[in-house]
Amino acid sequence: MRIALLACYAPHAVSGVIGGSDREAAAREMLDKVGGTLVSVMFTRGEFDVLVLADVPDETTAIGVTMAIQASGTVTRLSVLSELDMEPVLVAANKAVTAYKPAG
C-alpha cells in the first residue's frame, strides 16, 4: 500500500537537517527494516517541511512507522495519507446512497 507522510520538523531536527543529516537514507533504512520501500522524499515550503512517499506491506506497518516517527520527538506534526482503491469505495457508496434517508 502506498502512503504519504507529511511532517513538520521540531527545531532541533531542523538543526540536524542543516548540519547534513541524510533524511532520505534514514527513511530508506527504516522502511527497509519493516518491509517497505521508499519512493521519494521531497522537502517542501508551506504547511509541511517534508513529504515522504513510501510503499508498505499493510496498514499495521504504516501505523508502526508513524508511531516510531512520533516517538522520536523530531516532528511537531505528522499526517499520514493512505492511497485508496476507489472502485470498491464507490461500490459501497452507491449502495449506501440508495439506502440512506436524511433527517427532516
PDB file of N, CA and C in Angstrom:
ATOM      1  N   MET A   1       0.843  -1.167   0.000  1.00  0.00           N
ATOM      2  CA  MET A   1       0.000   0.000   0.000  1.00  0.00           C
ATOM      3  C   MET A   1       0.888   1.231   0.000  1.00  0.00           C
ATOM      4  N   ARG A   2       0.471   2.226  -0.733  1.00  0.00           N
ATOM      5  CA  ARG A   2       1.239   3.474  -0.833  1.00  0.00           C
ATOM      6  C   ARG A   2       0.757   4.439   0.246  1.00  0.00           C
ATOM      7  N   ILE A   3       1.715   5.069   0.925  1.00  0.00           N
ATOM      8  CA  ILE A   3       1.390   6.081   1.919  1.00  0.00           C
ATOM      9  C   ILE A   3       2.176   7.357   1.642  1.00  0.00           C
ATOM     10  N   ALA A   4       1.619   8.451   2.098  1.00  0.00           N
ATOM     11  CA  ALA A   4       2.302   9.742   2.049  1.00  0.00           C
ATOM     12  C   ALA A   4       2.402  10.241   3.481  1.00  0.00           C
ATOM     13  N   LEU A   5       3.618  10.506   3.923  1.00  0.00           N
ATOM     14  CA  LEU A   5       3.867  11.056   5.255  1.00  0.00           C
ATOM     15  C   LEU A   5       4.205  12.526   5.091  1.00  0.00           C
ATOM     16  N   LEU A   6       3.465  13.390   5.764  1.00  0.00           N
ATOM     17  CA  LEU A   6       3.722  14.826   5.727  1.00  0.00           C
ATOM     18  C   LEU A   6       4.116  15.240   7.139  1.00  0.00           C
ATOM     19  N   ALA A   7       5.263  15.896   7.275  1.00  0.00           N
ATOM     20  CA  ALA A   7       5.757  16.198   8.616  1.00  0.00           C
ATOM     21  C   ALA A   7       6.311  17.610   8.726  1.00  0.00           C
ATOM     22  N   CYS A   8       6.221  18.122   9.950  1.00  0.00           N
ATOM     23  CA  CYS A   8       6.856  19.390  10.324  1.00  0.00           C
ATOM     24  C   CYS A   8       7.959  19.048  11.321  1.00  0.00           C
ATOM     25  N   TYR A   9       9.179  19.476  11.037  1.00  0.00           N
ATOM     26  CA  TYR A   9      10.309  19.183  11.914  1.00  0.00           C
ATOM     27  C   TYR A   9      10.281  20.037  13.170  1.00  0.00           C
ATOM     28  N   ALA A  10      10.676  19.454  14.292  1.00  0.00           N
ATOM     29  CA  ALA A  10      10.919  20.194  15.527  1.00  0.00           C
ATOM     30  C   ALA A  10      12.198  21.016  15.330  1.00  0.00           C
ATOM     31  N   PRO A  11      12.371  22.111  16.089  1.00  0.00           N
ATOM     32  CA  PRO A  11      13.552  22.959  15.900  1.00  0.00           C
ATOM     33  C   PRO A  11      14.887  22.199  15.950  1.00  0.00           C
ATOM     34  N   HIS A  12      15.044  21.263  16.885  1.00  0.00           N
ATOM     35  CA  HIS A  12      16.327  20.544  16.958  1.00  0.00           C
ATOM     36  C   HIS A  12      16.531  19.644  15.734  1.00  0.00           C
ATOM     37  N   ALA A  13      15.443  19.180  15.136  1.00  0.00           N
ATOM     38  CA  ALA A  13      15.570  18.356  13.928  1.00  0.00           C
ATOM     39  C   ALA A  13      15.967  19.214  12.729  1.00  0.00           C
ATOM     40  N   VAL A  14      15.465  20.448  12.673  1.00  0.00           N
ATOM     41  CA  VAL A  14      15.867  21.368  11.603  1.00  0.00           C
ATOM     42  C   VAL A  14      17.375  21.592  11.683  1.00  0.00           C
ATOM     43  N   SER A  15      17.893  21.724  12.876  1.00  0.00           N
ATOM     44  CA  SER A  15      19.351  21.883  13.052  1.00  0.00           C
ATOM     45  C   SER A  15      20.089  20.678  12.486  1.00  0.00           C
ATOM     46  N   GLY A  16      19.542  19.497  12.698  1.00  0.00           N
ATOM     47  CA  GLY A  16      20.160  18.294  12.152  1.00  0.00           C
ATOM     48  C   GLY A  16      20.164  18.275  10.644  1.00  0.00           C
ATOM     49  N   VAL A  17      19.049  18.701  10.041  1.00  0.00           N
ATOM     50  CA  VAL A  17      18.970  18.764   8.580  1.00  0.00           C
ATOM     51  C   VAL A  17      19.992  19.761   8.049  1.00  0.00           C
ATOM     52  N   ILE A  18      20.060  20.928   8.676  1.00  0.00           N
ATOM     53  CA  ILE A  18      21.042  21.945   8.265  1.00  0.00           C
ATOM     54  C   ILE A  18      22.455  21.405   8.400  1.00  0.00           C
ATOM     55  N   GLY A  19      22.691  20.617   9.439  1.00  0.00           N
ATOM     56  CA  GLY A  19      24.019  20.055   9.686  1.00  0.00           C
ATOM     57  C   GLY A  19      24.392  18.911   8.757  1.00  0.00           C
ATOM     58  N   GLY A  20      23.453  18.498   7.891  1.00  0.00           N
ATOM     59  CA  GLY A  20      23.803  17.489   6.898  1.00  0.00           C
ATOM     60  C   GLY A  20      23.242  16.105   7.152  1.00  0.00           C
ATOM     61  N   SER A  21      22.304  15.960   8.073  1.00  0.00           N
ATOM     62  CA  SER A  21      21.700  14.654   8.317  1.00  0.00           C
ATOM     63  C   SER A  21      20.972  14.187   7.057  1.00  0.00           C
ATOM     64  N   ASP A  22      21.308  13.021   6.555  1.00  0.00           N
ATOM     65  CA  ASP A  22      20.735  12.487   5.320  1.00  0.00           C
ATOM     66  C   ASP A  22      19.385  11.851   5.619  1.00  0.00           C
ATOM     67  N   ARG A  23      18.321  12.621   5.494  1.00  0.00           N
ATOM     68  CA  ARG A  23      16.990  12.137   5.841  1.00  0.00           C
ATOM     69  C   ARG A  23      16.479  11.087   4.860  1.00  0.00           C
ATOM     70  N   GLU A  24      16.893  11.165   3.610  1.00  0.00           N
ATOM     71  CA  GLU A  24      16.474  10.153   2.646  1.00  0.00           C
ATOM     72  C   GLU A  24      17.050   8.786   3.012  1.00  0.00           C
ATOM     73  N   ALA A  25      18.319   8.758   3.391  1.00  0.00           N
ATOM     74  CA  ALA A  25      18.944   7.496   3.792  1.00  0.00           C
ATOM     75  C   ALA A  25      18.280   6.947   5.063  1.00  0.00           C
ATOM     76  N   ALA A  26      17.951   7.832   5.993  1.00  0.00           N
ATOM     77  CA  ALA A  26      17.304   7.403   7.235  1.00  0.00           C
ATOM     78  C   ALA A  26      15.921   6.818   6.951  1.00  0.00           C
ATOM     79  N   ALA A  27      15.166   7.472   6.087  1.00  0.00           N
ATOM     80  CA  ALA A  27      13.835   6.973   5.725  1.00  0.00           C
ATOM     81  C   ALA A  27      13.939   5.630   5.014  1.00  0.00           C
ATOM     82  N   ARG A  28      14.885   5.514   4.099  1.00  0.00           N
ATOM     83  CA  ARG A  28      15.071   4.263   3.356  1.00  0.00           C
ATOM     84  C   ARG A  28      15.420   3.118   4.313  1.00  0.00           C
ATOM     85  N   GLU A  29      16.320   3.375   5.255  1.00  0.00           N
ATOM     86  CA  GLU A  29      16.734   2.337   6.204  1.00  0.00           C
ATOM     87  C   GLU A  29      15.557   1.877   7.065  1.00  0.00           C
ATOM     88  N   MET A  30      14.769   2.828   7.571  1.00  0.00           N
ATOM     89  CA  MET A  30      13.620   2.476   8.399  1.00  0.00           C
ATOM     90  C   MET A  30      12.613   1.656   7.596  1.00  0.00           C
ATOM     91  N   LEU A  31      12.304   2.102   6.395  1.00  0.00           N
ATOM     92  CA  LEU A  31      11.322   1.395   5.575  1.00  0.00           C
ATOM     93  C   LEU A  31      11.809   0.010   5.171  1.00  0.00           C
ATOM     94  N   ASP A  32      13.090  -0.111   4.833  1.00  0.00           N
ATOM     95  CA  ASP A  32      13.649  -1.426   4.503  1.00  0.00           C
ATOM     96  C   ASP A  32      13.460  -2.401   5.668  1.00  0.00           C
ATOM     97  N   LYS A  33      13.672  -1.895   6.875  1.00  0.00           N
ATOM     98  CA  LYS A  33      13.594  -2.742   8.078  1.00  0.00           C
ATOM     99  C   LYS A  33      12.185  -3.292   8.313  1.00  0.00           C
ATOM    100  N   VAL A  34      11.150  -2.567   7.867  1.00  0.00           N
ATOM    101  CA  VAL A  34       9.776  -3.020   8.081  1.00  0.00           C
ATOM    102  C   VAL A  34       9.152  -3.623   6.820  1.00  0.00           C
ATOM    103  N   GLY A  35       9.977  -3.863   5.808  1.00  0.00           N
ATOM    104  CA  GLY A  35       9.482  -4.478   4.579  1.00  0.00           C
ATOM    105  C   GLY A  35       8.866  -3.496   3.603  1.00  0.00           C
ATOM    106  N   GLY A  36       9.177  -2.209   3.790  1.00  0.00           N
ATOM    107  CA  GLY A  36       8.656  -1.180   2.901  1.00  0.00           C
ATOM    108  C   GLY A  36       9.697  -0.722   1.899  1.00  0.00           C
ATOM    109  N   THR A  37       9.280   0.209   1.053  1.00  0.00           N
ATOM    110  CA  THR A  37      10.157   0.770   0.031  1.00  0.00           C
ATOM    111  C   THR A  37       9.957   2.276  -0.028  1.00  0.00           C
ATOM    112  N   LEU A  38      11.049   3.007  -0.022  1.00  0.00           N
ATOM    113  CA  LEU A  38      10.991   4.454  -0.180  1.00  0.00           C
ATOM    114  C   LEU A  38      10.773   4.787  -1.647  1.00  0.00           C
ATOM    115  N   VAL A  39       9.772   5.613  -1.927  1.00  0.00           N
ATOM    116  CA  VAL A  39       9.517   6.066  -3.288  1.00  0.00           C
ATOM    117  C   VAL A  39      10.207   7.404  -3.513  1.00  0.00           C
ATOM    118  N   SER A  40       9.993   8.354  -2.596  1.00  0.00           N
ATOM    119  CA  SER A  40      10.653   9.653  -2.722  1.00  0.00           C
ATOM    120  C   SER A  40      10.562  10.445  -1.424  1.00  0.00           C
ATOM    121  N   VAL A  41      11.490  11.388  -1.300  1.00  0.00           N
ATOM    122  CA  VAL A  41      11.489  12.363  -0.210  1.00  0.00           C
ATOM    123  C   VAL A  41      11.516  13.731  -0.865  1.00  0.00           C
ATOM    124  N   MET A  42      10.595  14.589  -0.449  1.00  0.00           N
ATOM    125  CA  MET A  42      10.544  15.928  -1.018  1.00  0.00           C
ATOM    126  C   MET A  42      10.431  16.936   0.124  1.00  0.00           C
ATOM    127  N   PHE A  43      11.412  17.816   0.212  1.00  0.00           N
ATOM    128  CA  PHE A  43      11.325  18.911   1.170  1.00  0.00           C
ATOM    129  C   PHE A  43      10.417  19.965   0.564  1.00  0.00           C
ATOM    130  N   THR A  44       9.539  20.528   1.396  1.00  0.00           N
ATOM    131  CA  THR A  44       8.511  21.419   0.880  1.00  0.00           C
ATOM    132  C   THR A  44       8.508  22.766   1.597  1.00  0.00           C
ATOM    133  N   ARG A  45       7.905  23.715   0.942  1.00  0.00           N
ATOM    134  CA  ARG A  45       7.708  25.037   1.511  1.00  0.00           C
ATOM    135  C   ARG A  45       6.211  25.182   1.722  1.00  0.00           C
ATOM    136  N   GLY A  46       5.820  25.602   2.909  1.00  0.00           N
ATOM    137  CA  GLY A  46       4.400  25.749   3.189  1.00  0.00           C
ATOM    138  C   GLY A  46       4.047  25.110   4.511  1.00  0.00           C
ATOM    139  N   GLU A  47       2.911  24.443   4.539  1.00  0.00           N
ATOM    140  CA  GLU A  47       2.371  23.900   5.785  1.00  0.00           C
ATOM    141  C   GLU A  47       3.236  22.781   6.377  1.00  0.00           C
ATOM    142  N   PHE A  48       3.902  21.998   5.534  1.00  0.00           N
ATOM    143  CA  PHE A  48       4.749  20.892   5.986  1.00  0.00           C
ATOM    144  C   PHE A  48       6.173  21.101   5.488  1.00  0.00           C
ATOM    145  N   ASP A  49       7.125  20.518   6.210  1.00  0.00           N
ATOM    146  CA  ASP A  49       8.542  20.633   5.848  1.00  0.00           C
ATOM    147  C   ASP A  49       8.998  19.540   4.891  1.00  0.00           C
ATOM    148  N   VAL A  50       8.366  18.375   4.992  1.00  0.00           N
ATOM    149  CA  VAL A  50       8.821  17.239   4.198  1.00  0.00           C
ATOM    150  C   VAL A  50       7.635  16.342   3.847  1.00  0.00           C
ATOM    151  N   LEU A  51       7.717  15.746   2.667  1.00  0.00           N
ATOM    152  CA  LEU A  51       6.737  14.775   2.193  1.00  0.00           C
ATOM    153  C   LEU A  51       7.503  13.520   1.805  1.00  0.00           C
ATOM    154  N   VAL A  52       7.121  12.398   2.397  1.00  0.00           N
ATOM    155  CA  VAL A  52       7.754  11.116   2.091  1.00  0.00           C
ATOM    156  C   VAL A  52       6.696  10.200   1.480  1.00  0.00           C
ATOM    157  N   LEU A  53       6.976   9.697   0.294  1.00  0.00           N
ATOM    158  CA  LEU A  53       6.114   8.696  -0.336  1.00  0.00           C
ATOM    159  C   LEU A  53       6.771   7.337  -0.157  1.00  0.00           C
ATOM    160  N   ALA A  54       5.979   6.363   0.267  1.00  0.00           N
ATOM    161  CA  ALA A  54       6.533   5.038   0.528  1.00  0.00           C
ATOM    162  C   ALA A  54       5.494   3.968   0.231  1.00  0.00           C
ATOM    163  N   ASP A  55       5.983   2.781  -0.051  1.00  0.00           N
ATOM    164  CA  ASP A  55       5.135   1.604  -0.144  1.00  0.00           C
ATOM    165  C   ASP A  55       5.412   0.757   1.089  1.00  0.00           C
ATOM    166  N   VAL A  56       4.351   0.351   1.780  1.00  0.00           N
ATOM    167  CA  VAL A  56       4.470  -0.504   2.963  1.00  0.00           C
ATOM    168  C   VAL A  56       3.554  -1.711   2.775  1.00  0.00           C
ATOM    169  N   PRO A  57       3.846  -2.800   3.482  1.00  0.00           N
ATOM    170  CA  PRO A  57       3.060  -4.017   3.282  1.00  0.00           C
ATOM    171  C   PRO A  57       1.581  -3.894   3.652  1.00  0.00           C
ATOM    172  N   ASP A  58       1.272  -3.109   4.694  1.00  0.00           N
ATOM    173  CA  ASP A  58      -0.109  -3.072   5.177  1.00  0.00           C
ATOM    174  C   ASP A  58      -0.310  -1.889   6.120  1.00  0.00           C
ATOM    175  N   GLU A  59      -1.551  -1.740   6.568  1.00  0.00           N
ATOM    176  CA  GLU A  59      -1.923  -0.634   7.462  1.00  0.00           C
ATOM    177  C   GLU A  59      -1.199  -0.715   8.808  1.00  0.00           C
ATOM    178  N   THR A  60      -1.016  -1.931   9.313  1.00  0.00           N
ATOM    179  CA  THR A  60      -0.309  -2.111  10.584  1.00  0.00           C
ATOM    180  C   THR A  60       1.106  -1.550  10.488  1.00  0.00           C
ATOM    181  N   THR A  61       1.775  -1.821   9.391  1.00  0.00           N
ATOM    182  CA  THR A  61       3.126  -1.293   9.185  1.00  0.00           C
ATOM    183  C   THR A  61       3.101   0.223   9.091  1.00  0.00           C
ATOM    184  N   ALA A  62       2.124   0.772   8.390  1.00  0.00           N
ATOM    185  CA  ALA A  62       2.003   2.233   8.273  1.00  0.00           C
ATOM    186  C   ALA A  62       1.850   2.876   9.642  1.00  0.00           C
ATOM    187  N   ILE A  63       1.017   2.280  10.487  1.00  0.00           N
ATOM    188  CA  ILE A  63       0.812   2.820  11.833  1.00  0.00           C
ATOM    189  C   ILE A  63       2.084   2.679  12.660  1.00  0.00           C
ATOM    190  N   GLY A  64       2.773   1.558  12.535  1.00  0.00           N
ATOM    191  CA  GLY A  64       4.034   1.364  13.264  1.00  0.00           C
ATOM    192  C   GLY A  64       5.089   2.386  12.874  1.00  0.00           C
ATOM    193  N   VAL A  65       5.206   2.668  11.578  1.00  0.00           N
ATOM    194  CA  VAL A  65       6.149   3.678  11.092  1.00  0.00           C
ATOM    195  C   VAL A  65       5.782   5.042  11.674  1.00  0.00           C
ATOM    196  N   THR A  66       4.496   5.356  11.649  1.00  0.00           N
ATOM    197  CA  THR A  66       4.021   6.622  12.198  1.00  0.00           C
ATOM    198  C   THR A  66       4.369   6.748  13.682  1.00  0.00           C
ATOM    199  N   MET A  67       4.130   5.688  14.422  1.00  0.00           N
ATOM    200  CA  MET A  67       4.430   5.707  15.861  1.00  0.00           C
ATOM    201  C   MET A  67       5.923   5.911  16.118  1.00  0.00           C
ATOM    202  N   ALA A  68       6.763   5.246  15.338  1.00  0.00           N
ATOM    203  CA  ALA A  68       8.206   5.380  15.511  1.00  0.00           C
ATOM    204  C   ALA A  68       8.663   6.813  15.253  1.00  0.00           C
ATOM    205  N   ILE A  69       8.109   7.415  14.213  1.00  0.00           N
ATOM    206  CA  ILE A  69       8.471   8.804  13.899  1.00  0.00           C
ATOM    207  C   ILE A  69       8.021   9.734  15.018  1.00  0.00           C
ATOM    208  N   GLN A  70       6.783   9.567  15.488  1.00  0.00           N
ATOM    209  CA  GLN A  70       6.275  10.412  16.562  1.00  0.00           C
ATOM    210  C   GLN A  70       7.088  10.233  17.844  1.00  0.00           C
ATOM    211  N   ALA A  71       7.444   8.995  18.160  1.00  0.00           N
ATOM    212  CA  ALA A  71       8.196   8.706  19.383  1.00  0.00           C
ATOM    213  C   ALA A  71       9.599   9.308  19.355  1.00  0.00           C
ATOM    214  N   SER A  72      10.109   9.587  18.169  1.00  0.00           N
ATOM    215  CA  SER A  72      11.463  10.144  18.065  1.00  0.00           C
ATOM    216  C   SER A  72      11.550  11.568  18.597  1.00  0.00           C
ATOM    217  N   GLY A  73      10.419  12.267  18.650  1.00  0.00           N
ATOM    218  CA  GLY A  73      10.424  13.645  19.115  1.00  0.00           C
ATOM    219  C   GLY A  73      10.962  14.637  18.099  1.00  0.00           C
ATOM    220  N   THR A  74      11.156  14.208  16.861  1.00  0.00           N
ATOM    221  CA  THR A  74      11.748  15.094  15.853  1.00  0.00           C
ATOM    222  C   THR A  74      10.720  15.809  14.992  1.00  0.00           C
ATOM    223  N   VAL A  75       9.440  15.471  15.166  1.00  0.00           N
ATOM    224  CA  VAL A  75       8.405  16.164  14.412  1.00  0.00           C
ATOM    225  C   VAL A  75       7.385  16.767  15.370  1.00  0.00           C
ATOM    226  N   THR A  76       6.853  17.918  14.983  1.00  0.00           N
ATOM    227  CA  THR A  76       5.808  18.548  15.782  1.00  0.00           C
ATOM    228  C   THR A  76       4.432  18.254  15.224  1.00  0.00           C
ATOM    229  N   ARG A  77       4.398  17.807  13.996  1.00  0.00           N
ATOM    230  CA  ARG A  77       3.137  17.468  13.342  1.00  0.00           C
ATOM    231  C   ARG A  77       3.405  16.393  12.298  1.00  0.00           C
ATOM    232  N   LEU A  78       2.525  15.409  12.244  1.00  0.00           N
ATOM    233  CA  LEU A  78       2.690  14.312  11.285  1.00  0.00           C
ATOM    234  C   LEU A  78       1.314  13.885  10.793  1.00  0.00           C
ATOM    235  N   SER A  79       1.143  13.895   9.490  1.00  0.00           N
ATOM    236  CA  SER A  79      -0.085  13.396   8.871  1.00  0.00           C
ATOM    237  C   SER A  79       0.287  12.254   7.943  1.00  0.00           C
ATOM    238  N   VAL A  80      -0.538  11.223   7.953  1.00  0.00           N
ATOM    239  CA  VAL A  80      -0.298  10.065   7.098  1.00  0.00           C
ATOM    240  C   VAL A  80      -1.531   9.852   6.226  1.00  0.00           C
ATOM    241  N   LEU A  81      -1.305   9.800   4.938  1.00  0.00           N
ATOM    242  CA  LEU A  81      -2.375   9.549   3.986  1.00  0.00           C
ATOM    243  C   LEU A  81      -2.142   8.186   3.360  1.00  0.00           C
ATOM    244  N   SER A  82      -3.205   7.394   3.248  1.00  0.00           N
ATOM    245  CA  SER A  82      -3.114   6.078   2.621  1.00  0.00           C
ATOM    246  C   SER A  82      -3.835   6.115   1.289  1.00  0.00           C
ATOM    247  N   GLU A  83      -3.198   5.581   0.279  1.00  0.00           N
ATOM    248  CA  GLU A  83      -3.821   5.504  -1.038  1.00  0.00           C
ATOM    249  C   GLU A  83      -5.001   4.523  -0.995  1.00  0.00           C
ATOM    250  N   LEU A  84      -6.081   4.893  -1.653  1.00  0.00           N
ATOM    251  CA  LEU A  84      -7.274   4.047  -1.686  1.00  0.00           C
ATOM    252  C   LEU A  84      -7.515   3.499  -3.085  1.00  0.00           C
ATOM    253  N   ASP A  85      -8.066   2.302  -3.121  1.00  0.00           N
ATOM    254  CA  ASP A  85      -8.602   1.746  -4.360  1.00  0.00           C
ATOM    255  C   ASP A  85     -10.051   2.227  -4.422  1.00  0.00           C
ATOM    256  N   MET A  86     -10.347   3.176  -5.288  1.00  0.00           N
ATOM    257  CA  MET A  86     -11.658   3.818  -5.311  1.00  0.00           C
ATOM    258  C   MET A  86     -12.781   2.928  -5.846  1.00  0.00           C
ATOM    259  N   GLU A  87     -12.487   1.901  -6.618  1.00  0.00           N
ATOM    260  CA  GLU A  87     -13.561   1.058  -7.163  1.00  0.00           C
ATOM    261  C   GLU A  87     -14.442   0.464  -6.069  1.00  0.00           C
ATOM    262  N   PRO A  88     -13.891  -0.254  -5.078  1.00  0.00           N
ATOM    263  CA  PRO A  88     -14.765  -0.811  -4.035  1.00  0.00           C
ATOM    264  C   PRO A  88     -15.393   0.277  -3.157  1.00  0.00           C
ATOM    265  N   VAL A  89     -14.705   1.401  -2.993  1.00  0.00           N
ATOM    266  CA  VAL A  89     -15.278   2.507  -2.226  1.00  0.00           C
ATOM    267  C   VAL A  89     -16.525   3.030  -2.926  1.00  0.00           C
ATOM    268  N   LEU A  90     -16.455   3.203  -4.240  1.00  0.00           N
ATOM    269  CA  LEU A  90     -17.602   3.697  -4.996  1.00  0.00           C
ATOM    270  C   LEU A  90     -18.753   2.701  -5.013  1.00  0.00           C
ATOM    271  N   VAL A  91     -18.446   1.414  -5.056  1.00  0.00           N
ATOM    272  CA  VAL A  91     -19.487   0.393  -4.976  1.00  0.00           C
ATOM    273  C   VAL A  91     -20.235   0.538  -3.651  1.00  0.00           C
ATOM    274  N   ALA A  92     -19.484   0.648  -2.544  1.00  0.00           N
ATOM    275  CA  ALA A  92     -20.107   0.800  -1.229  1.00  0.00           C
ATOM    276  C   ALA A  92     -20.889   2.109  -1.134  1.00  0.00           C
ATOM    277  N   ALA A  93     -20.334   3.189  -1.667  1.00  0.00           N
ATOM    278  CA  ALA A  93     -21.011   4.490  -1.622  1.00  0.00           C
ATOM    279  C   ALA A  93     -22.321   4.453  -2.401  1.00  0.00           C
ATOM    280  N   ASN A  94     -22.313   3.817  -3.563  1.00  0.00           N
ATOM    281  CA  ASN A  94     -23.536   3.730  -4.363  1.00  0.00           C
ATOM    282  C   ASN A  94     -24.613   2.885  -3.670  1.00  0.00           C
ATOM    283  N   LYS A  95     -24.215   1.842  -2.968  1.00  0.00           N
ATOM    284  CA  LYS A  95     -25.181   1.052  -2.195  1.00  0.00           C
ATOM    285  C   LYS A  95     -25.738   1.901  -1.045  1.00  0.00           C
ATOM    286  N   ALA A  96     -24.856   2.595  -0.344  1.00  0.00           N
ATOM    287  CA  ALA A  96     -25.270   3.385   0.810  1.00  0.00           C
ATOM    288  C   ALA A  96     -26.178   4.540   0.425  1.00  0.00           C
ATOM    289  N   VAL A  97     -25.872   5.202  -0.681  1.00  0.00           N
ATOM    290  CA  VAL A  97     -26.646   6.372  -1.088  1.00  0.00           C
ATOM    291  C   VAL A  97     -28.102   6.015  -1.423  1.00  0.00           C
ATOM    292  N   THR A  98     -28.321   4.804  -1.891  1.00  0.00           N
ATOM    293  CA  THR A  98     -29.695   4.400  -2.205  1.00  0.00           C
ATOM    294  C   THR A  98     -30.488   4.041  -0.947  1.00  0.00           C
ATOM    295  N   ALA A  99     -29.794   3.736   0.134  1.00  0.00           N
ATOM    296  CA  ALA A  99     -30.468   3.331   1.370  1.00  0.00           C
ATOM    297  C   ALA A  99     -30.532   4.450   2.413  1.00  0.00           C
ATOM    298  N   TYR A 100     -29.675   5.451   2.314  1.00  0.00           N
ATOM    299  CA  TYR A 100     -29.619   6.499   3.346  1.00  0.00           C
ATOM    300  C   TYR A 100     -30.826   7.424   3.241  1.00  0.00           C
ATOM    301  N   LYS A 101     -31.463   7.661   4.369  1.00  0.00           N
ATOM    302  CA  LYS A 101     -32.584   8.577   4.437  1.00  0.00           C
ATOM    303  C   LYS A 101     -32.172   9.761   5.319  1.00  0.00           C
ATOM    304  N   PRO A 102     -31.996  10.930   4.724  1.00  0.00           N
ATOM    305  CA  PRO A 102     -31.576  12.090   5.510  1.00  0.00           C
ATOM    306  C   PRO A 102     -32.637  12.534   6.502  1.00  0.00           C
ATOM    307  N   ALA A 103     -32.179  13.184   7.557  1.00  0.00           N
ATOM    308  CA  ALA A 103     -33.100  13.722   8.565  1.00  0.00           C
ATOM    309  C   ALA A 103     -33.936  14.837   7.955  1.00  0.00           C
ATOM    310  N   GLY A 104     -35.150  14.987   8.475  1.00  0.00           N
ATOM    311  CA  GLY A 104     -36.001  16.105   8.046  1.00  0.00           C
ATOM    312  C   GLY A 104     -36.911  15.702   7.008  1.00  0.00           C
TER     313      GLY A 104
END
